[in-house]
Protein backbone atom coordinates (compact mmCIF):
# COMPACT_ATOMS: atom_id res chain seq x y z
CA UNK A 1 113.05 32.08 -202.89
CA UNK A 2 116.57 31.86 -201.28
CA UNK A 3 116.61 30.61 -197.90
CA UNK A 4 117.90 33.91 -196.24
CA UNK A 5 114.58 35.47 -197.48
CA UNK A 6 112.73 32.59 -196.13
CA UNK A 7 114.20 32.51 -192.76
CA UNK A 8 113.93 36.51 -192.49
CA UNK A 9 110.15 36.24 -193.51
CA UNK A 10 109.75 33.21 -190.93
CA UNK A 11 111.49 35.13 -188.38
CA UNK A 12 109.57 37.88 -188.60
CA UNK A 13 106.21 36.13 -188.65
CA UNK A 14 106.95 34.52 -185.55
CA UNK A 15 108.26 37.53 -183.96
CA UNK A 16 104.83 39.75 -184.94
CA UNK A 17 102.80 36.45 -183.70
CA UNK A 18 104.42 36.29 -180.35
CA UNK A 19 104.03 40.14 -180.23
CA UNK A 20 100.78 40.26 -180.84
CA UNK A 21 99.51 37.11 -179.55
CA UNK A 22 101.63 36.43 -176.67
CA UNK A 23 99.92 38.62 -174.30
CA UNK A 24 96.40 37.66 -174.91
CA UNK A 25 97.63 34.13 -174.17
CA UNK A 26 99.75 35.15 -171.19
CA UNK A 27 96.69 37.18 -169.77
CA UNK A 28 98.60 39.45 -167.84
CA UNK A 29 98.32 43.28 -167.51
CA UNK A 30 101.85 44.83 -168.66
CA UNK A 31 101.37 47.96 -166.29
CA UNK A 32 100.13 45.72 -163.33
CA UNK A 33 102.76 46.40 -160.36
CA UNK A 34 103.51 44.19 -157.42
CA UNK A 35 106.17 45.94 -155.07
CA UNK A 36 106.05 42.40 -153.02
CA UNK A 37 107.72 40.85 -156.02
CA UNK A 38 110.48 43.65 -157.03
CA UNK A 39 113.52 42.18 -159.03
CA UNK A 40 111.77 38.58 -158.76
CA UNK A 41 113.55 35.88 -160.24
CA UNK A 42 112.45 33.59 -163.17
CA UNK A 43 110.08 31.18 -162.17
CA UNK A 44 107.02 29.44 -163.66
CA UNK A 45 104.67 32.56 -163.26
CA UNK A 46 106.91 35.07 -164.51
CA UNK A 47 109.29 33.16 -167.22
CA UNK A 48 111.89 36.16 -167.41
CA UNK A 49 111.27 37.61 -163.92
CA UNK A 50 110.01 40.95 -162.74
CA UNK A 51 111.48 44.47 -163.13
CA UNK A 52 111.79 46.71 -160.36
CA UNK A 53 108.00 47.56 -160.09
CA UNK A 54 107.06 43.87 -159.93
CA UNK A 55 105.97 43.78 -163.06
CA UNK A 56 106.23 40.61 -165.43
CA UNK A 57 109.41 41.22 -167.64
CA UNK A 58 108.12 38.76 -170.37
CA UNK A 59 104.77 40.49 -170.98
CA UNK A 60 106.22 43.74 -170.85
CA UNK A 61 108.71 42.77 -173.50
CA UNK A 62 105.70 41.23 -175.82
CA UNK A 63 103.95 44.51 -175.44
CA UNK A 64 107.14 46.77 -176.14
CA UNK A 65 107.82 44.65 -179.12
CA UNK A 66 104.31 44.81 -180.48
CA UNK A 67 104.47 48.84 -179.58
CA UNK A 68 107.82 49.18 -181.36
CA UNK A 69 106.75 47.20 -184.57
CA UNK A 70 103.47 49.05 -184.82
CA UNK A 71 105.24 52.66 -184.55
CA UNK A 72 107.34 51.29 -187.27
CA UNK A 73 105.04 49.73 -189.70
CA UNK A 74 102.50 52.88 -189.56
CA UNK A 75 105.50 55.32 -189.82
CA UNK A 76 107.07 53.32 -192.56
CA UNK A 77 103.84 53.25 -194.56
CA UNK A 78 102.79 56.81 -194.53
CA UNK A 79 106.71 57.63 -195.40
CA UNK A 80 106.67 55.58 -198.48
CA UNK A 81 103.22 56.81 -199.46
CA UNK A 82 104.07 60.40 -199.63
CA UNK A 83 107.37 59.66 -200.77
CA UNK A 84 106.55 57.22 -203.49
CA UNK A 85 103.75 59.62 -204.82
CA UNK A 86 106.43 62.50 -204.71
CA UNK A 87 108.96 60.22 -206.30
CA UNK A 88 106.82 59.52 -209.24
CA UNK A 89 105.51 62.89 -209.76
CA UNK A 90 109.46 64.21 -209.71
CA UNK A 91 110.72 61.45 -212.03
CA UNK A 92 107.76 61.47 -214.38
CA UNK A 93 107.17 65.27 -215.37
CA UNK A 94 110.63 66.44 -214.06
CA UNK A 95 110.66 70.19 -214.25
CA UNK A 96 109.59 72.19 -211.42
CA UNK A 97 108.18 69.02 -209.35
CA UNK A 98 111.34 67.75 -209.80
CA UNK A 99 113.06 70.74 -208.30
CA UNK A 100 110.45 71.13 -205.35
CA UNK A 101 110.63 67.45 -204.38
CA UNK A 102 114.40 67.10 -204.48
CA UNK A 103 115.57 70.39 -203.31
CA UNK A 104 112.99 70.09 -200.29
CA UNK A 105 114.24 66.59 -199.80
CA UNK A 106 117.89 67.78 -199.82
CA UNK A 107 117.13 70.30 -197.21
CA UNK A 108 115.46 67.90 -194.75
CA UNK A 109 118.52 65.50 -195.43
CA UNK A 110 120.98 68.36 -194.63
CA UNK A 111 119.80 67.80 -190.73
CA UNK A 112 120.53 64.30 -189.06
CA UNK A 113 117.22 62.55 -188.69
CA UNK A 114 117.29 62.01 -184.83
CA UNK A 115 118.29 65.87 -183.98
CA UNK A 116 114.96 66.67 -186.11
CA UNK A 117 113.08 64.06 -184.02
CA UNK A 118 114.34 65.52 -180.88
CA UNK A 119 113.87 68.58 -182.11
CA UNK A 120 110.02 67.93 -183.05
CA UNK A 121 109.12 65.85 -180.14
CA UNK A 122 110.43 68.43 -177.71
CA UNK A 123 108.37 70.94 -179.18
CA UNK A 124 104.85 69.17 -179.62
CA UNK A 125 105.50 66.68 -176.17
CA UNK A 126 105.85 63.24 -176.85
CA UNK A 127 103.11 60.16 -177.36
CA UNK A 128 102.48 57.96 -180.10
CA UNK A 129 100.97 60.35 -182.33
CA UNK A 130 103.96 62.81 -182.21
CA UNK A 131 105.96 59.93 -182.58
CA UNK A 132 104.70 58.52 -185.82
CA UNK A 133 104.30 61.87 -187.18
CA UNK A 134 107.95 62.84 -186.94
CA UNK A 135 109.39 59.32 -188.06
CA UNK A 136 107.07 58.97 -190.95
CA UNK A 137 108.28 63.25 -192.20
CA UNK A 138 112.11 61.96 -191.33
CA UNK A 139 111.89 58.89 -193.81
CA UNK A 140 109.77 60.50 -196.74
CA UNK A 141 113.25 62.05 -198.31
CA UNK A 142 114.69 58.66 -198.78
CA UNK A 143 111.55 57.34 -199.93
CA UNK A 144 111.32 60.18 -202.76
CA UNK A 145 115.22 59.85 -203.47
CA UNK A 146 114.52 56.23 -204.32
CA UNK A 147 111.34 56.51 -206.24
CA UNK A 148 113.07 59.20 -208.37
CA UNK A 149 115.66 57.31 -209.48
CA UNK A 150 114.02 54.08 -210.24
CA UNK A 151 111.38 56.31 -212.64
CA UNK A 152 114.14 57.65 -214.38
CA UNK A 153 115.35 54.39 -215.24
CA UNK A 154 112.18 53.33 -216.58
CA UNK A 155 110.20 56.33 -217.81
CA UNK A 156 112.52 56.58 -221.32
CA UNK A 157 111.88 52.85 -221.65
CA UNK A 158 109.78 51.66 -225.02
CA UNK A 159 106.77 50.55 -223.37
CA UNK A 160 106.30 53.57 -221.43
CA UNK A 161 106.48 55.36 -224.58
CA UNK A 162 104.17 53.10 -226.12
CA UNK A 163 101.59 53.75 -223.56
CA UNK A 164 102.02 57.42 -223.90
CA UNK A 165 101.69 56.79 -227.94
CA UNK A 166 98.27 55.08 -226.93
CA UNK A 167 96.92 57.93 -225.22
CA UNK A 168 96.97 55.97 -221.54
CA UNK A 169 96.19 58.58 -218.63
CA UNK A 170 99.80 59.81 -217.03
CA UNK A 171 98.49 58.45 -213.34
CA UNK A 172 97.72 55.22 -215.24
CA UNK A 173 101.24 54.87 -216.71
CA UNK A 174 102.89 55.93 -213.18
CA UNK A 175 101.07 53.73 -210.93
CA UNK A 176 100.09 50.75 -212.96
CA UNK A 177 103.09 50.82 -215.09
CA UNK A 178 106.11 52.40 -213.86
CA UNK A 179 105.44 51.53 -210.02
CA UNK A 180 105.69 47.74 -210.31
CA UNK A 181 108.67 47.62 -212.19
CA UNK A 182 110.41 49.69 -209.34
CA UNK A 183 108.67 47.91 -206.33
CA UNK A 184 111.89 45.74 -205.65
CA UNK A 185 113.74 48.90 -204.30
CA UNK A 186 111.07 50.35 -202.73
CA UNK A 187 110.27 47.39 -200.89
CA UNK A 188 114.34 47.16 -199.90
CA UNK A 189 113.66 50.39 -198.80
CA UNK A 190 110.70 49.58 -196.36
CA UNK A 191 112.86 47.18 -194.66
CA UNK A 192 115.66 49.54 -194.02
CA UNK A 193 113.22 52.07 -192.82
CA UNK A 194 111.20 49.80 -190.25
CA UNK A 195 114.65 48.39 -188.71
CA UNK A 196 115.79 52.44 -188.68
CA UNK A 197 112.40 53.44 -187.06
CA UNK A 198 112.25 50.77 -184.48
CA UNK A 199 116.12 52.24 -183.32
CA UNK A 200 114.97 55.79 -183.17
CA UNK A 201 111.63 54.86 -181.19
CA UNK A 202 113.60 52.93 -178.82
CA UNK A 203 116.10 55.86 -178.43
CA UNK A 204 113.78 58.41 -177.90
CA UNK A 205 111.65 56.40 -175.64
CA UNK A 206 114.69 56.04 -173.53
CA UNK A 207 115.35 59.67 -173.41
CA UNK A 208 111.57 59.99 -172.26
CA UNK A 209 110.34 61.58 -175.44
CA UNK A 210 108.91 59.07 -177.17
CA UNK A 211 106.27 56.41 -175.77
CA UNK A 212 104.95 57.79 -172.62
CA UNK A 213 105.16 55.75 -169.31
CA UNK A 214 103.53 53.54 -167.69
CA UNK A 215 103.17 52.04 -171.41
CA UNK A 216 105.83 49.46 -172.12
CA UNK A 217 108.20 49.89 -174.98
CA UNK A 218 111.69 48.64 -175.37
CA UNK A 219 113.61 52.04 -174.97
CA UNK A 220 111.48 52.68 -171.86
CA UNK A 221 112.72 49.00 -170.61
CA UNK A 222 116.15 49.56 -171.28
CA UNK A 223 115.85 53.05 -169.48
CA UNK A 224 114.32 51.31 -166.53
CA UNK A 225 116.72 48.69 -166.34
CA UNK A 226 119.79 51.07 -166.39
CA UNK A 227 118.29 52.93 -163.53
CA UNK A 228 118.70 49.18 -161.84
CA UNK A 229 121.42 47.99 -163.44
CA UNK A 230 123.46 46.92 -160.33
CA UNK A 231 120.50 45.25 -158.24
CA UNK A 232 119.35 43.00 -161.58
CA UNK A 233 121.76 43.66 -164.51
CA UNK A 234 119.77 40.73 -166.31
CA UNK A 235 116.81 43.18 -167.09
CA UNK A 236 119.05 44.92 -169.62
CA UNK A 237 119.64 42.00 -171.71
CA UNK A 238 116.04 40.82 -172.87
CA UNK A 239 114.79 44.37 -174.19
CA UNK A 240 118.74 44.83 -175.98
CA UNK A 241 118.51 40.82 -177.28
CA UNK A 242 114.94 41.91 -178.84
CA UNK A 243 116.31 45.31 -180.11
CA UNK A 244 119.00 43.22 -181.37
CA UNK A 245 117.07 40.34 -183.43
CA UNK A 246 114.69 42.79 -184.54
CA UNK A 247 117.31 44.83 -186.40
CA UNK A 248 118.97 41.62 -187.55
CA UNK A 249 115.80 40.34 -188.76
CA UNK A 250 115.00 43.52 -191.37
CA UNK A 251 118.60 43.31 -192.43
CA UNK A 252 118.27 39.80 -193.55
CA UNK A 253 115.06 40.58 -195.26
CA UNK A 254 116.66 43.76 -196.97
CA UNK A 255 119.38 41.72 -198.11
CA UNK A 256 117.14 38.50 -199.31
CA UNK A 257 114.38 41.33 -201.11
CA UNK A 258 117.32 42.79 -202.67
CA UNK A 259 118.76 39.63 -204.10
CA UNK A 260 115.02 38.01 -204.76
CA UNK A 261 113.95 41.40 -207.21
CA UNK A 262 117.70 41.52 -208.71
CA UNK A 263 117.21 39.38 -212.37
CA UNK A 264 120.95 39.09 -211.58
CA UNK A 265 121.74 36.40 -208.87
CA UNK A 266 124.88 37.90 -206.61
CA UNK A 267 127.35 34.67 -207.71
CA UNK A 268 127.62 33.42 -211.41
CA UNK A 269 127.99 29.74 -212.05
CA UNK A 270 130.75 29.27 -214.04
CA UNK A 271 131.15 25.32 -213.93
CA UNK A 272 130.36 22.92 -217.06
CA UNK A 273 128.05 20.33 -215.91
CA UNK A 274 128.44 18.12 -218.66
CA UNK A 275 131.63 18.74 -220.90
CA UNK A 276 131.93 16.31 -223.95
CA UNK A 277 133.33 16.70 -227.24
CA UNK A 278 132.17 14.57 -230.48
CA UNK A 279 134.21 13.43 -233.24
CA UNK A 280 133.37 16.05 -235.00
CA UNK A 281 135.94 17.92 -233.43
CA UNK A 282 138.42 16.13 -235.14
CA UNK A 283 137.04 17.26 -238.54
CA UNK A 284 137.40 20.60 -237.36
CA UNK A 285 140.85 20.53 -235.77
CA UNK A 286 142.11 23.34 -238.19
CA UNK A 287 139.18 25.84 -237.37
CA UNK A 288 140.08 28.96 -235.60
CA UNK A 289 136.89 28.77 -233.27
CA UNK A 290 134.90 25.17 -232.64
CA UNK A 291 132.08 25.31 -230.51
CA UNK A 292 130.12 21.96 -230.04
CA UNK A 293 127.29 20.79 -228.52
CA UNK A 294 127.04 24.17 -226.29
CA UNK A 295 123.88 24.83 -224.14
CA UNK A 296 123.63 28.06 -222.10
CA UNK A 297 121.19 28.19 -219.16
CA UNK A 298 119.60 31.18 -217.30
CA UNK A 299 119.53 30.72 -213.46
CA UNK A 300 115.98 29.72 -212.06
CA UNK A 301 114.18 29.19 -208.90
CA UNK A 302 112.82 26.17 -210.35
CA UNK A 303 114.62 24.87 -213.25
CA UNK A 304 117.44 26.23 -215.65
CA UNK A 305 115.68 27.81 -218.34
CA UNK A 306 117.73 27.06 -221.95
CA UNK A 307 118.59 30.17 -223.65
CA UNK A 308 121.03 28.53 -226.19
CA UNK A 309 120.71 24.60 -226.79
CA UNK A 310 123.05 22.19 -228.39
CA UNK A 311 124.69 24.55 -230.91
CA UNK A 312 127.76 23.42 -232.66
CA UNK A 313 129.80 25.79 -235.27
CA UNK A 314 133.23 26.18 -236.70
CA UNK A 315 135.21 28.85 -238.33
CA UNK A 316 138.27 28.94 -240.12
CA UNK A 317 141.26 31.35 -240.26
CA UNK A 318 140.09 33.85 -243.36
CA UNK A 319 136.54 33.11 -242.76
CA UNK A 320 133.60 35.29 -241.78
CA UNK A 321 130.47 33.26 -240.76
CA UNK A 322 127.16 35.10 -240.02
CA UNK A 323 125.12 34.38 -237.15
CA UNK A 324 121.52 35.58 -238.23
CA UNK A 325 118.01 35.58 -236.62
CA UNK A 326 115.34 37.79 -234.99
CA UNK A 327 115.71 39.50 -231.60
CA UNK A 328 115.57 37.02 -228.70
CA UNK A 329 117.02 34.22 -230.85
CA UNK A 330 120.09 33.68 -228.43
CA UNK A 331 122.84 35.03 -231.01
CA UNK A 332 124.39 37.63 -228.32
CA UNK A 333 124.48 34.84 -225.42
CA UNK A 334 126.09 32.64 -227.67
CA UNK A 335 128.37 35.19 -228.66
CA UNK A 336 129.18 36.47 -225.26
CA UNK A 337 129.53 32.51 -224.32
CA UNK A 338 132.56 32.45 -226.58
CA UNK A 339 134.29 35.35 -224.96
CA UNK A 340 133.36 34.33 -221.39
CA UNK A 341 131.40 37.19 -220.78
CA UNK A 342 127.98 35.66 -219.78
CA UNK A 343 126.37 38.10 -217.52
CA UNK A 344 125.23 37.27 -213.66
CA UNK A 345 122.89 34.48 -213.75
CA UNK A 346 123.77 32.82 -217.04
CA UNK A 347 126.03 29.95 -217.32
CA UNK A 348 127.39 27.57 -219.94
CA UNK A 349 125.70 24.42 -218.99
CA UNK A 350 127.46 22.09 -221.59
CA UNK A 351 129.49 21.83 -224.33
CA UNK A 352 132.88 22.74 -225.48
CA UNK A 353 134.44 25.95 -226.71
CA UNK A 354 137.81 25.36 -228.63
CA UNK A 355 139.98 28.78 -229.49
CA UNK A 356 142.96 27.11 -231.98
CA UNK A 357 142.23 23.60 -230.29
CA UNK A 358 142.52 25.20 -226.92
CA UNK A 359 139.70 24.53 -224.45
CA UNK A 360 138.26 28.02 -222.85
CA UNK A 361 135.24 26.77 -221.47
CA UNK A 362 135.40 26.75 -217.67
CA UNK A 363 138.74 28.65 -217.62
CA UNK A 364 138.94 31.15 -214.39
CA UNK A 365 138.40 34.75 -215.01
CA UNK A 366 142.27 35.30 -215.04
CA UNK A 367 142.87 32.97 -217.43
CA UNK A 368 140.29 34.35 -219.98
CA UNK A 369 141.72 37.80 -219.61
CA UNK A 370 145.06 36.63 -221.11
CA UNK A 371 143.18 35.57 -224.02
CA UNK A 372 140.89 38.21 -224.73
CA UNK A 373 142.48 40.75 -226.79
CA UNK A 374 145.39 38.08 -227.89
CA UNK A 375 143.21 35.19 -229.10
CA UNK A 376 139.92 36.59 -229.38
CA UNK A 377 138.25 39.89 -229.07
CA UNK A 378 134.87 41.61 -229.41
CA UNK A 379 133.01 44.58 -231.20
CA UNK A 380 129.73 45.48 -229.31
CA UNK A 381 126.63 47.24 -230.86
CA UNK A 382 127.23 50.95 -229.59
CA UNK A 383 130.23 52.32 -229.84
CA UNK A 384 129.00 55.34 -227.81
CA UNK A 385 128.39 53.30 -224.73
CA UNK A 386 131.60 51.06 -225.29
CA UNK A 387 133.67 53.95 -225.13
CA UNK A 388 134.82 55.81 -221.83
CA UNK A 389 133.10 59.13 -222.18
CA UNK A 390 135.99 60.91 -219.82
CA UNK A 391 139.02 59.73 -221.54
CA UNK A 392 140.44 60.29 -224.49
CA UNK A 393 140.52 58.13 -227.51
CA UNK A 394 144.19 57.63 -227.67
CA UNK A 395 144.29 56.79 -223.83
CA UNK A 396 141.75 53.95 -224.33
CA UNK A 397 143.47 52.37 -227.17
CA UNK A 398 146.92 52.73 -225.30
CA UNK A 399 145.14 50.70 -222.44
CA UNK A 400 144.22 48.20 -224.83
CA UNK A 401 147.86 47.75 -226.06
CA UNK A 402 149.33 47.70 -222.60
CA UNK A 403 147.35 45.20 -221.26
CA UNK A 404 149.05 42.47 -222.96
CA UNK A 405 152.67 44.31 -223.98
CA UNK A 406 154.99 46.04 -222.06
CA UNK A 407 155.63 49.17 -224.09
CA UNK A 408 157.32 52.61 -223.52
CA UNK A 409 155.20 55.78 -223.51
CA UNK A 410 156.83 56.55 -227.22
CA UNK A 411 156.02 53.12 -228.84
CA UNK A 412 152.65 53.65 -227.44
CA UNK A 413 151.80 56.85 -228.73
CA UNK A 414 153.07 55.31 -232.25
CA UNK A 415 151.20 52.34 -232.18
CA UNK A 416 147.98 54.39 -231.47
CA UNK A 417 148.51 56.52 -234.21
CA UNK A 418 149.09 53.59 -236.47
CA UNK A 419 145.94 51.89 -235.25
CA UNK A 420 143.65 55.02 -236.01
CA UNK A 421 145.56 55.29 -239.53
CA UNK A 422 144.91 51.53 -240.33
CA UNK A 423 141.26 51.58 -239.46
CA UNK A 424 141.16 54.93 -241.95
CA UNK A 425 140.96 57.56 -239.58
CA UNK A 426 142.41 60.89 -240.85
CA UNK A 427 144.71 62.65 -239.13
CA UNK A 428 145.00 60.31 -236.61
CA UNK A 429 147.77 62.05 -234.35
CA UNK A 430 144.96 64.73 -233.54
CA UNK A 431 142.05 62.23 -233.18
CA UNK A 432 143.88 60.54 -230.41
CA UNK A 433 143.72 63.36 -228.25
CA UNK A 434 140.02 63.86 -228.63
CA UNK A 435 137.21 62.78 -226.21
CA UNK A 436 134.23 60.05 -227.72
CA UNK A 437 131.71 62.70 -227.89
CA UNK A 438 133.52 64.74 -230.73
CA UNK A 439 133.83 61.82 -232.90
CA UNK A 440 131.03 60.73 -235.25
CA UNK A 441 129.28 57.18 -235.05
CA UNK A 442 131.15 55.74 -238.02
CA UNK A 443 134.54 57.22 -236.50
CA UNK A 444 133.79 55.63 -233.35
CA UNK A 445 132.88 52.34 -234.28
CA UNK A 446 136.09 52.49 -236.46
CA UNK A 447 138.00 53.01 -233.08
CA UNK A 448 136.38 50.22 -231.45
CA UNK A 449 137.57 47.79 -234.57
CA UNK A 450 141.24 49.40 -233.79
CA UNK A 451 141.09 48.67 -230.10
CA UNK A 452 139.56 44.96 -230.63
CA UNK A 453 142.25 44.44 -233.04
CA UNK A 454 145.03 46.12 -231.27
CA UNK A 455 146.73 42.96 -230.00
CA UNK A 456 146.02 41.14 -233.05
CA UNK A 457 143.78 38.19 -232.08
CA UNK A 458 142.91 35.43 -234.06
CA UNK A 459 139.08 35.54 -233.78
CA UNK A 460 137.01 38.79 -234.19
CA UNK A 461 133.36 38.30 -232.46
CA UNK A 462 131.54 41.43 -234.21
CA UNK A 463 127.82 41.60 -232.27
CA UNK A 464 126.01 43.93 -234.76
CA UNK A 465 128.48 46.42 -235.30
CA UNK A 466 126.56 48.57 -237.88
CA UNK A 467 123.10 48.57 -236.49
CA UNK A 468 123.37 52.19 -235.20
CA UNK A 469 124.73 53.33 -238.24
CA UNK A 470 123.55 54.77 -241.35
CA UNK A 471 123.43 53.23 -244.69
CA UNK A 472 126.74 54.50 -246.16
CA UNK A 473 128.79 54.57 -243.09
CA UNK A 474 127.80 50.53 -242.55
CA UNK A 475 129.06 49.99 -245.94
CA UNK A 476 132.11 51.66 -245.09
CA UNK A 477 132.61 49.74 -241.78
CA UNK A 478 131.79 46.70 -243.75
CA UNK A 479 134.88 47.17 -246.22
CA UNK A 480 136.92 47.82 -243.23
CA UNK A 481 136.42 44.66 -241.68
CA UNK A 482 136.99 42.65 -244.47
CA UNK A 483 140.08 44.47 -245.51
CA UNK A 484 141.37 43.56 -242.15
CA UNK A 485 139.94 39.94 -242.50
CA UNK A 486 142.02 39.83 -245.58
CA UNK A 487 145.23 40.88 -244.39
CA UNK A 488 145.90 38.77 -241.68
CA UNK A 489 143.51 35.46 -242.15
CA UNK A 490 141.32 36.86 -239.16
CA UNK A 491 138.21 34.49 -238.19
CA UNK A 492 135.26 36.52 -237.65
CA UNK A 493 131.86 35.55 -235.93
CA UNK A 494 129.31 38.73 -237.74
CA UNK A 495 126.20 38.50 -235.36
CA UNK A 496 123.41 40.28 -237.13
CA UNK A 497 119.70 40.47 -238.00
CA UNK A 498 120.08 42.28 -241.36
CA UNK A 499 119.88 39.80 -244.38
CA UNK A 500 121.62 42.37 -246.42
CA UNK A 501 124.83 42.95 -244.17
CA UNK A 502 124.85 38.78 -244.43
CA UNK A 503 124.98 38.82 -248.55
CA UNK A 504 127.60 41.76 -248.90
CA UNK A 505 130.18 40.44 -246.15
CA UNK A 506 129.93 36.80 -244.89
CA UNK A 507 130.99 33.37 -246.41
CA UNK A 508 128.73 31.19 -244.56
CA UNK A 509 125.45 31.87 -242.30
CA UNK A 510 124.03 29.88 -239.74
CA UNK A 511 120.32 31.01 -238.73
CA UNK A 512 119.71 30.50 -235.42
CA UNK A 513 115.86 30.68 -233.91
CA UNK A 514 114.92 30.28 -229.84
CA UNK A 515 118.54 29.40 -229.04
CA UNK A 516 119.20 26.66 -231.47
CA UNK A 517 120.35 26.32 -235.08
CA UNK A 518 117.47 25.84 -237.70
CA UNK A 519 119.87 26.00 -240.74
CA UNK A 520 123.36 26.68 -242.18
CA UNK A 521 125.19 26.68 -245.30
CA UNK A 522 127.28 29.05 -247.81
CA UNK A 523 125.69 32.24 -248.47
CA UNK A 524 124.85 31.90 -251.75
CA UNK A 525 122.91 28.70 -251.25
CA UNK A 526 120.87 29.59 -248.30
CA UNK A 527 119.84 32.80 -249.92
CA UNK A 528 118.87 30.94 -253.21
CA UNK A 529 117.86 27.67 -251.97
CA UNK A 530 116.44 27.82 -248.37
CA UNK A 531 115.73 24.79 -246.76
CA UNK A 532 113.97 25.63 -243.43
CA UNK A 533 110.63 27.91 -243.41
CA UNK A 534 112.39 30.05 -241.20
CA UNK A 535 114.73 31.19 -243.39
CA UNK A 536 112.24 31.38 -245.77
CA UNK A 537 110.24 33.77 -243.80
CA UNK A 538 113.22 35.67 -242.92
CA UNK A 539 114.00 36.32 -246.64
CA UNK A 540 110.40 37.28 -247.32
CA UNK A 541 110.23 39.53 -244.91
CA UNK A 542 113.49 41.39 -245.80
CA UNK A 543 112.58 44.43 -248.07
CA UNK A 544 114.12 44.39 -251.55
CA UNK A 545 114.69 47.23 -254.27
CA UNK A 546 112.78 45.30 -256.73
CA UNK A 547 109.99 42.36 -256.49
CA UNK A 548 107.18 41.90 -254.08
CA UNK A 549 106.48 43.80 -250.59
CA UNK A 550 108.23 42.28 -247.59
CA UNK A 551 105.61 40.05 -246.04
CA UNK A 552 106.03 39.91 -241.64
CA UNK A 553 106.30 36.71 -239.89
CA UNK A 554 103.15 36.31 -237.51
CA UNK A 555 103.89 35.71 -233.61
CA UNK A 556 107.23 36.00 -231.98
CA UNK A 557 110.16 34.17 -230.70
CA UNK A 558 109.38 31.83 -227.70
CA UNK A 559 111.22 32.85 -224.39
CA UNK A 560 113.35 30.15 -223.06
CA UNK A 561 110.62 29.56 -220.26
CA UNK A 562 107.76 28.81 -222.96
CA UNK A 563 109.46 26.64 -225.65
CA UNK A 564 107.18 24.41 -227.40
CA UNK A 565 108.12 20.49 -226.88
CA UNK A 566 108.60 19.88 -230.62
CA UNK A 567 110.10 22.24 -233.35
CA UNK A 568 110.37 25.91 -231.63
CA UNK A 569 109.28 27.08 -234.67
CA UNK A 570 106.39 25.01 -235.45
CA UNK A 571 103.58 27.80 -234.18
CA UNK A 572 104.83 30.15 -236.56
CA UNK A 573 105.47 27.37 -239.32
CA UNK A 574 102.88 27.34 -242.25
CA UNK A 575 104.24 23.78 -243.15
CA UNK A 576 103.82 22.47 -239.68
CA UNK A 577 102.57 18.91 -239.32
CA UNK A 578 101.48 17.01 -236.09
CA UNK A 579 104.96 15.07 -236.05
CA UNK A 580 106.46 18.65 -236.12
CA UNK A 581 104.55 19.72 -232.79
CA UNK A 582 105.53 16.35 -230.92
CA UNK A 583 109.48 15.80 -231.44
CA UNK A 584 112.26 18.09 -231.82
CA UNK A 585 113.93 17.75 -235.29
CA UNK A 586 117.46 17.32 -235.66
CA UNK A 587 119.95 19.07 -237.38
CA UNK A 588 121.04 16.96 -240.67
CA UNK A 589 123.25 17.29 -243.11
CA UNK A 590 121.49 17.38 -246.48
CA UNK A 591 124.35 18.47 -248.76
CA UNK A 592 128.20 19.40 -248.44
CA UNK A 593 128.40 22.04 -245.87
CA UNK A 594 124.58 22.48 -245.72
CA UNK A 595 122.32 21.48 -242.51
CA UNK A 596 118.99 22.10 -241.46
CA UNK A 597 116.57 21.19 -238.75
CA UNK A 598 113.28 20.39 -240.40
CA UNK A 599 111.92 16.99 -241.42
CA UNK A 600 110.25 18.54 -244.63
CA UNK A 601 113.51 20.15 -246.01
CA UNK A 602 113.17 18.20 -249.23
CA UNK A 603 109.77 19.80 -250.16
CA UNK A 604 111.30 23.20 -249.95
């Protein structure tokens, strides 16, 4: 838990304790008047003095805080309950439920909340019940909006679809599956609503439309102090300070809750704690990409979680190296590390990344921008989400070209057409004037390849670029990548989980599991004589045109917070020995260009 959140919780706890327990300890009546002590100074019996009616200011202040907090909490809980139910129904069922909930919220949001509260209180009359009711109604639309937007982002997720497929009741899915996933934004909105409710209650009480006298309220205290501001100006300080403190604590709580429930911390650590290069770098000085002993961690409140562990690899110009493994093995994080595009909360902990013998790990964002596109580039899995839907294809290619070179409009236009032609797009001049949605998936992926190669990089990282394509288009894209490699001595790191793609395109393959390399070597050798049980299991699970039916691998890839102490594959390995569970095996060389992380490789 971050210090800001801890501070706000402690401060709020102390405030609530003082408001509810203080009057009991002081044993004084907040409405008891003593005209002989009007505007009495601070003393041992009256710590903050007395007001214009001789009442104890400290006791009234504590009572006022208690009243304001009670009204704010009750109004917020009522609004949150109603708004959450309406937002869940609108987001889950859509249709008429969404129309009624959202249009009703829109109508209410058209009127200023304070104006609505003034109108209702004026008609119904002041009182605690009226005040709580009107504040609850005022806050309902914001809760509806927050919950509705959260539900829209969750309801189409696969785990929700799985619950529907199992025949689970809609009410169970909404309240037991979807609601826990949006509790973060909901709590943040509650803290905002409580701070606003305190201010609105004080404002209405100040105008005489809130808490009725002689009850104590922060707004009533401000109004009373204003009337006697010339005789006792200090009386205005205490309720104003209390209001300010409450709002600041609520805002701090809001910020703390937002950061706590956000899986991406606001700041990303880019520093490398233990940079080091081994003598292996000397042997690979001609490599286009050289990664040595790289470890990537995920930020955690207790200890960093290792998502990539001590990975080393090298790729020479004109070579295609495939990185294969199940989902969750760390393949994408490794490729993002090379690009310097790690998400917030994830950082390179140790190691080295060199492009053409230049160390790039630890460079500033500005320095990395100068190298992306020119030295290294990346193709992502889904071209539809990688291309801007509101900009034409030619404009987006022009942006990539002009990022690293000054060109005239005519030069850019010719270069865009040449790029589209080079990736096999027919009628490139016309295609440059269309939007992404007017192109097929295969053509959009060709555009992404053209964009990545626009500035002739030395290294191309392809992160599962054919996963979303059908078999025919997939073959065309693979042929295009291979052709561009052959034309310009391009080094390619090809990330995939498809063994068929690896067999077709790669020169060497690296098998990754639980953030570490388990086996590497030439594709033919690894496929015909695998030297790790995980590689063997992957090959058996891949469907073949002729031969035995594929066999699945029991279990799943362990997450970073549940890594076994020994071999990461030991819990799923049919050849596991007690030594495998106790000690993590090293990646050892067994042949020329062959390595494995298994103590029983000789038996395979």
